[in-house]
């Protein structure tokens, strides 16, 4: 479920970043921090999308360091 939300968030933010109407509005109001927020959300959504794949890879390859990192995050 979390991965689906990450994909949705990534798609929405990329669409918003490429939307020319929103870009004109941001340029007119001179609020450049919106672009920074969009880039942060893009990065966060990519991390949310990639994390389950790394977990599955760690289980498949039995990589104990990655498995320990995942178990520590859940505490």
C-alpha atoms as a PDB file:
ATOM      1  CA  UNK A   1       0.000   0.000   0.000  1.00  0.00           C
ATOM      2  CA  UNK A   2       2.806   2.389   0.876  1.00  0.00           C
ATOM      3  CA  UNK A   3       4.500   1.770  -2.466  1.00  0.00           C
ATOM      4  CA  UNK A   4       1.281   2.640  -4.308  1.00  0.00           C
ATOM      5  CA  UNK A   5       1.044   5.880  -2.349  1.00  0.00           C
ATOM      6  CA  UNK A   6       4.669   6.636  -3.235  1.00  0.00           C
ATOM      7  CA  UNK A   7       3.972   6.079  -6.921  1.00  0.00           C
ATOM      8  CA  UNK A   8       0.885   8.299  -6.750  1.00  0.00           C
ATOM      9  CA  UNK A   9       2.807  11.035  -4.923  1.00  0.00           C
ATOM     10  CA  UNK A  10       5.667  10.874  -7.424  1.00  0.00           C
ATOM     11  CA  UNK A  11       3.289  11.124 -10.378  1.00  0.00           C
ATOM     12  CA  UNK A  12       1.333  14.001  -8.859  1.00  0.00           C
ATOM     13  CA  UNK A  13       4.416  16.031  -7.962  1.00  0.00           C
ATOM     14  CA  UNK A  14       6.070  15.487 -11.349  1.00  0.00           C
ATOM     15  CA  UNK A  15       2.828  16.500 -13.061  1.00  0.00           C
ATOM     16  CA  UNK A  16       2.589  19.598 -10.852  1.00  0.00           C
ATOM     17  CA  UNK A  17       6.213  20.508 -11.603  1.00  0.00           C
ATOM     18  CA  UNK A  18       5.644  20.247 -15.350  1.00  0.00           C
ATOM     19  CA  UNK A  19       2.288  22.084 -15.310  1.00  0.00           C
ATOM     20  CA  UNK A  20       2.760  25.406 -17.113  1.00  0.00           C
ATOM     21  CA  UNK A  21      -0.215  27.073 -15.424  1.00  0.00           C
ATOM     22  CA  UNK A  22       1.224  26.381 -11.977  1.00  0.00           C
ATOM     23  CA  UNK A  23       4.658  27.581 -13.133  1.00  0.00           C
ATOM     24  CA  UNK A  24       3.167  30.884 -14.312  1.00  0.00           C
ATOM     25  CA  UNK A  25       1.394  31.310 -10.981  1.00  0.00           C
ATOM     26  CA  UNK A  26       4.591  30.586  -9.019  1.00  0.00           C
ATOM     27  CA  UNK A  27       6.581  32.986 -11.212  1.00  0.00           C
ATOM     28  CA  UNK A  28       3.986  35.738 -10.788  1.00  0.00           C
ATOM     29  CA  UNK A  29       3.924  35.390  -6.989  1.00  0.00           C
ATOM     30  CA  UNK A  30       7.688  34.796  -6.763  1.00  0.00           C
ATOM     31  CA  UNK A  31       7.385  31.878  -4.340  1.00  0.00           C
ATOM     32  CA  UNK A  32      10.366  29.815  -5.414  1.00  0.00           C
ATOM     33  CA  UNK A  33      10.236  27.629  -2.287  1.00  0.00           C
ATOM     34  CA  UNK A  34       7.444  25.652  -3.957  1.00  0.00           C
ATOM     35  CA  UNK A  35       9.985  24.202  -6.387  1.00  0.00           C
ATOM     36  CA  UNK A  36      12.248  23.153  -3.518  1.00  0.00           C
ATOM     37  CA  UNK A  37       9.306  21.466  -1.813  1.00  0.00           C
ATOM     38  CA  UNK A  38       8.449  19.633  -5.007  1.00  0.00           C
ATOM     39  CA  UNK A  39      12.002  18.337  -5.364  1.00  0.00           C
ATOM     40  CA  UNK A  40      11.978  17.153  -1.742  1.00  0.00           C
ATOM     41  CA  UNK A  41       8.680  15.332  -2.335  1.00  0.00           C
ATOM     42  CA  UNK A  42      10.035  13.737  -5.520  1.00  0.00           C
ATOM     43  CA  UNK A  43      13.085  12.460  -3.633  1.00  0.00           C
ATOM     44  CA  UNK A  44      10.954  11.196  -0.723  1.00  0.00           C
ATOM     45  CA  UNK A  45       8.561   9.379  -3.022  1.00  0.00           C
ATOM     46  CA  UNK A  46      11.457   7.690  -4.835  1.00  0.00           C
ATOM     47  CA  UNK A  47      12.791   6.498  -1.474  1.00  0.00           C
ATOM     48  CA  UNK A  48       9.336   5.152  -0.561  1.00  0.00           C
ATOM     49  CA  UNK A  49       9.126   3.342  -3.894  1.00  0.00           C
ATOM     50  CA  UNK A  50      12.637   1.815  -3.678  1.00  0.00           C
ATOM     51  CA  UNK A  51      12.609   0.744   0.010  1.00  0.00           C
ATOM     52  CA  UNK A  52      10.366  -2.336  -0.448  1.00  0.00           C
ATOM     53  CA  UNK A  53      12.518  -3.557  -3.337  1.00  0.00           C
ATOM     54  CA  UNK A  54      15.639  -3.279  -1.186  1.00  0.00           C
ATOM     55  CA  UNK A  55      13.910  -5.187   1.601  1.00  0.00           C
ATOM     56  CA  UNK A  56      12.904  -8.001  -0.735  1.00  0.00           C
ATOM     57  CA  UNK A  57      16.401  -8.095  -2.205  1.00  0.00           C
ATOM     58  CA  UNK A  58      17.923  -8.308   1.288  1.00  0.00           C
ATOM     59  CA  UNK A  59      15.672 -11.213   2.227  1.00  0.00           C
ATOM     60  CA  UNK A  60      16.370 -13.002  -1.037  1.00  0.00           C
ATOM     61  CA  UNK A  61      20.136 -12.573  -0.785  1.00  0.00           C
ATOM     62  CA  UNK A  62      20.116 -12.996   3.010  1.00  0.00           C
ATOM     63  CA  UNK A  63      22.076  -9.792   3.516  1.00  0.00           C
ATOM     64  CA  UNK A  64      22.140  -9.443   7.278  1.00  0.00           C
ATOM     65  CA  UNK A  65      23.235  -5.788   7.296  1.00  0.00           C
ATOM     66  CA  UNK A  66      20.267  -4.664   5.220  1.00  0.00           C
ATOM     67  CA  UNK A  67      17.921  -6.794   7.277  1.00  0.00           C
ATOM     68  CA  UNK A  68      19.256  -5.266  10.501  1.00  0.00           C
ATOM     69  CA  UNK A  69      18.788  -1.760   9.082  1.00  0.00           C
ATOM     70  CA  UNK A  70      15.156  -2.540   8.247  1.00  0.00           C
ATOM     71  CA  UNK A  71      14.459  -4.023  11.688  1.00  0.00           C
ATOM     72  CA  UNK A  72      16.036  -1.009  13.409  1.00  0.00           C
ATOM     73  CA  UNK A  73      13.829   1.382  11.396  1.00  0.00           C
ATOM     74  CA  UNK A  74      10.695  -0.397  12.572  1.00  0.00           C
ATOM     75  CA  UNK A  75      11.490   0.047  16.296  1.00  0.00           C
END
